[in-house]
């Protein structure tokens, strides 16, 4: 589990860094950059937890349930972020929500490739 999680963490970090850089070109400004960085941190942590859940379920021959639970976790975190955290942290909503969605989506696409590493 450790090697797969470390590899996924590396890939997720690359997704967040490259995606964050691209998004700062689309949404210039200090407030937007702060929102993108906050979203990157949230996405990275959520993706690691979701991957660990999916990996554990895959080891027990129940990969679809693990992946579904990870998807549910991502959806709940996105809703909480959109409805509570963006305003509480004083973030600009558009770059914050779009960046979180992009980070979660792109790193979720990589997840199945690394489940059996």
C-alpha atoms as a PDB file:
ATOM      1  CA  UNK A   1       0.000   0.000   0.000  1.00  0.00           C
ATOM      2  CA  UNK A   2       2.826   2.402   0.823  1.00  0.00           C
ATOM      3  CA  UNK A   3       4.442   2.349  -2.612  1.00  0.00           C
ATOM      4  CA  UNK A   4       1.157   2.848  -4.451  1.00  0.00           C
ATOM      5  CA  UNK A   5       0.113   5.684  -2.143  1.00  0.00           C
ATOM      6  CA  UNK A   6       3.490   7.382  -2.516  1.00  0.00           C
ATOM      7  CA  UNK A   7       3.311   7.086  -6.296  1.00  0.00           C
ATOM      8  CA  UNK A   8      -0.232   8.430  -6.335  1.00  0.00           C
ATOM      9  CA  UNK A   9       0.811  11.297  -4.042  1.00  0.00           C
ATOM     10  CA  UNK A  10       3.571  12.177  -6.487  1.00  0.00           C
ATOM     11  CA  UNK A  11       1.185  12.118  -9.464  1.00  0.00           C
ATOM     12  CA  UNK A  12      -1.491  14.070  -7.565  1.00  0.00           C
ATOM     13  CA  UNK A  13       1.093  16.678  -6.560  1.00  0.00           C
ATOM     14  CA  UNK A  14       2.174  17.022 -10.194  1.00  0.00           C
ATOM     15  CA  UNK A  15      -1.459  17.419 -11.278  1.00  0.00           C
ATOM     16  CA  UNK A  16      -2.008  20.111  -8.652  1.00  0.00           C
ATOM     17  CA  UNK A  17       1.184  22.006  -9.485  1.00  0.00           C
ATOM     18  CA  UNK A  18       0.750  21.935 -13.269  1.00  0.00           C
ATOM     19  CA  UNK A  19      -2.990  22.512 -13.093  1.00  0.00           C
ATOM     20  CA  UNK A  20      -2.535  25.307 -10.573  1.00  0.00           C
ATOM     21  CA  UNK A  21       0.000  27.029 -12.789  1.00  0.00           C
ATOM     22  CA  UNK A  22      -2.337  26.829 -15.790  1.00  0.00           C
ATOM     23  CA  UNK A  23      -5.273  28.095 -13.744  1.00  0.00           C
ATOM     24  CA  UNK A  24      -3.253  31.090 -12.512  1.00  0.00           C
ATOM     25  CA  UNK A  25      -2.829  32.046 -16.168  1.00  0.00           C
ATOM     26  CA  UNK A  26      -6.593  31.871 -16.673  1.00  0.00           C
ATOM     27  CA  UNK A  27      -7.402  33.628 -13.379  1.00  0.00           C
ATOM     28  CA  UNK A  28      -4.719  36.262 -12.738  1.00  0.00           C
ATOM     29  CA  UNK A  29      -4.521  38.212  -9.511  1.00  0.00           C
ATOM     30  CA  UNK A  30      -3.508  37.601  -5.936  1.00  0.00           C
ATOM     31  CA  UNK A  31      -7.009  36.736  -4.675  1.00  0.00           C
ATOM     32  CA  UNK A  32      -7.493  34.163  -7.424  1.00  0.00           C
ATOM     33  CA  UNK A  33      -4.051  32.663  -6.766  1.00  0.00           C
ATOM     34  CA  UNK A  34      -4.886  32.338  -3.084  1.00  0.00           C
ATOM     35  CA  UNK A  35      -8.169  30.571  -3.959  1.00  0.00           C
ATOM     36  CA  UNK A  36      -6.358  28.191  -6.330  1.00  0.00           C
ATOM     37  CA  UNK A  37      -3.730  27.333  -3.715  1.00  0.00           C
ATOM     38  CA  UNK A  38      -6.411  26.680  -1.082  1.00  0.00           C
ATOM     39  CA  UNK A  39      -8.260  24.432  -3.526  1.00  0.00           C
ATOM     40  CA  UNK A  40      -5.042  22.608  -4.351  1.00  0.00           C
ATOM     41  CA  UNK A  41      -4.414  21.792  -0.700  1.00  0.00           C
ATOM     42  CA  UNK A  42      -7.982  20.561  -0.192  1.00  0.00           C
ATOM     43  CA  UNK A  43      -7.887  18.479  -3.388  1.00  0.00           C
ATOM     44  CA  UNK A  44      -4.524  16.904  -2.562  1.00  0.00           C
ATOM     45  CA  UNK A  45      -5.632  15.774   0.901  1.00  0.00           C
ATOM     46  CA  UNK A  46      -9.013  14.507  -0.326  1.00  0.00           C
ATOM     47  CA  UNK A  47      -7.418  12.615  -3.206  1.00  0.00           C
ATOM     48  CA  UNK A  48      -4.953  10.850  -0.904  1.00  0.00           C
ATOM     49  CA  UNK A  49      -7.748   9.757   1.436  1.00  0.00           C
ATOM     50  CA  UNK A  50      -9.958   8.644  -1.475  1.00  0.00           C
ATOM     51  CA  UNK A  51      -7.081   6.715  -3.044  1.00  0.00           C
ATOM     52  CA  UNK A  52      -6.314   4.954   0.235  1.00  0.00           C
ATOM     53  CA  UNK A  53      -9.976   3.921   0.518  1.00  0.00           C
ATOM     54  CA  UNK A  54     -10.103   2.689  -3.083  1.00  0.00           C
ATOM     55  CA  UNK A  55      -6.794   0.853  -2.735  1.00  0.00           C
ATOM     56  CA  UNK A  56      -7.896  -0.944   0.431  1.00  0.00           C
ATOM     57  CA  UNK A  57     -11.182  -1.942  -1.213  1.00  0.00           C
ATOM     58  CA  UNK A  58      -9.363  -3.144  -4.352  1.00  0.00           C
ATOM     59  CA  UNK A  59      -7.158  -5.392  -2.229  1.00  0.00           C
ATOM     60  CA  UNK A  60     -10.325  -6.992  -0.876  1.00  0.00           C
ATOM     61  CA  UNK A  61     -11.770  -7.594  -4.369  1.00  0.00           C
ATOM     62  CA  UNK A  62     -14.260  -4.752  -4.014  1.00  0.00           C
ATOM     63  CA  UNK A  63     -12.667  -2.017  -6.119  1.00  0.00           C
ATOM     64  CA  UNK A  64     -15.927  -0.594  -7.448  1.00  0.00           C
ATOM     65  CA  UNK A  65     -17.280  -0.038  -3.931  1.00  0.00           C
ATOM     66  CA  UNK A  66     -14.042   1.668  -2.906  1.00  0.00           C
ATOM     67  CA  UNK A  67     -14.041   3.863  -5.977  1.00  0.00           C
ATOM     68  CA  UNK A  68     -17.694   4.739  -5.384  1.00  0.00           C
ATOM     69  CA  UNK A  69     -16.982   5.633  -1.764  1.00  0.00           C
ATOM     70  CA  UNK A  70     -14.105   7.832  -2.930  1.00  0.00           C
ATOM     71  CA  UNK A  71     -16.397   9.554  -5.435  1.00  0.00           C
ATOM     72  CA  UNK A  72     -18.962  10.167  -2.700  1.00  0.00           C
ATOM     73  CA  UNK A  73     -16.241  11.625  -0.467  1.00  0.00           C
ATOM     74  CA  UNK A  74     -15.108  13.961  -3.251  1.00  0.00           C
ATOM     75  CA  UNK A  75     -18.677  15.093  -3.919  1.00  0.00           C
ATOM     76  CA  UNK A  76     -19.340  15.774  -0.234  1.00  0.00           C
ATOM     77  CA  UNK A  77     -16.104  17.718   0.183  1.00  0.00           C
ATOM     78  CA  UNK A  78     -16.842  19.761  -2.947  1.00  0.00           C
ATOM     79  CA  UNK A  79     -20.312  20.637  -1.638  1.00  0.00           C
ATOM     80  CA  UNK A  80     -18.948  21.565   1.805  1.00  0.00           C
ATOM     81  CA  UNK A  81     -16.216  23.642   0.192  1.00  0.00           C
ATOM     82  CA  UNK A  82     -18.700  25.434  -2.073  1.00  0.00           C
ATOM     83  CA  UNK A  83     -21.362  26.053   0.543  1.00  0.00           C
ATOM     84  CA  UNK A  84     -19.250  26.789   3.625  1.00  0.00           C
ATOM     85  CA  UNK A  85     -15.490  27.003   3.236  1.00  0.00           C
ATOM     86  CA  UNK A  86     -15.183  29.360   0.270  1.00  0.00           C
ATOM     87  CA  UNK A  87     -17.082  32.074   2.092  1.00  0.00           C
ATOM     88  CA  UNK A  88     -15.560  31.304   5.497  1.00  0.00           C
ATOM     89  CA  UNK A  89     -12.040  31.573   4.082  1.00  0.00           C
ATOM     90  CA  UNK A  90     -12.880  34.672   2.054  1.00  0.00           C
ATOM     91  CA  UNK A  91     -11.955  33.080  -1.263  1.00  0.00           C
ATOM     92  CA  UNK A  92     -12.979  34.239  -4.718  1.00  0.00           C
ATOM     93  CA  UNK A  93     -15.600  31.634  -5.572  1.00  0.00           C
ATOM     94  CA  UNK A  94     -15.124  31.094  -9.317  1.00  0.00           C
ATOM     95  CA  UNK A  95     -11.395  30.230  -9.307  1.00  0.00           C
ATOM     96  CA  UNK A  96     -11.763  28.341  -6.025  1.00  0.00           C
ATOM     97  CA  UNK A  97     -14.538  26.055  -7.264  1.00  0.00           C
ATOM     98  CA  UNK A  98     -13.269  25.572 -10.803  1.00  0.00           C
ATOM     99  CA  UNK A  99      -9.763  24.756  -9.582  1.00  0.00           C
ATOM    100  CA  UNK A 100     -11.039  22.268  -7.004  1.00  0.00           C
ATOM    101  CA  UNK A 101     -13.198  20.562  -9.632  1.00  0.00           C
ATOM    102  CA  UNK A 102     -10.291  20.411 -12.094  1.00  0.00           C
ATOM    103  CA  UNK A 103      -7.839  19.033  -9.508  1.00  0.00           C
ATOM    104  CA  UNK A 104     -10.279  16.376  -8.300  1.00  0.00           C
ATOM    105  CA  UNK A 105     -11.328  15.357 -11.806  1.00  0.00           C
ATOM    106  CA  UNK A 106      -7.881  15.054 -13.364  1.00  0.00           C
ATOM    107  CA  UNK A 107      -6.325  13.181 -10.462  1.00  0.00           C
ATOM    108  CA  UNK A 108      -9.355  10.867 -10.337  1.00  0.00           C
ATOM    109  CA  UNK A 109      -8.620   9.873 -13.935  1.00  0.00           C
ATOM    110  CA  UNK A 110      -5.153   8.686 -12.882  1.00  0.00           C
ATOM    111  CA  UNK A 111      -6.381   6.752  -9.849  1.00  0.00           C
ATOM    112  CA  UNK A 112      -7.432   3.493 -11.606  1.00  0.00           C
ATOM    113  CA  UNK A 113      -4.027   3.213 -13.247  1.00  0.00           C
ATOM    114  CA  UNK A 114      -2.310   3.083  -9.855  1.00  0.00           C
ATOM    115  CA  UNK A 115      -4.707   0.904  -7.858  1.00  0.00           C
ATOM    116  CA  UNK A 116      -2.861  -2.310  -8.669  1.00  0.00           C
ATOM    117  CA  UNK A 117       0.709  -1.037  -8.379  1.00  0.00           C
END
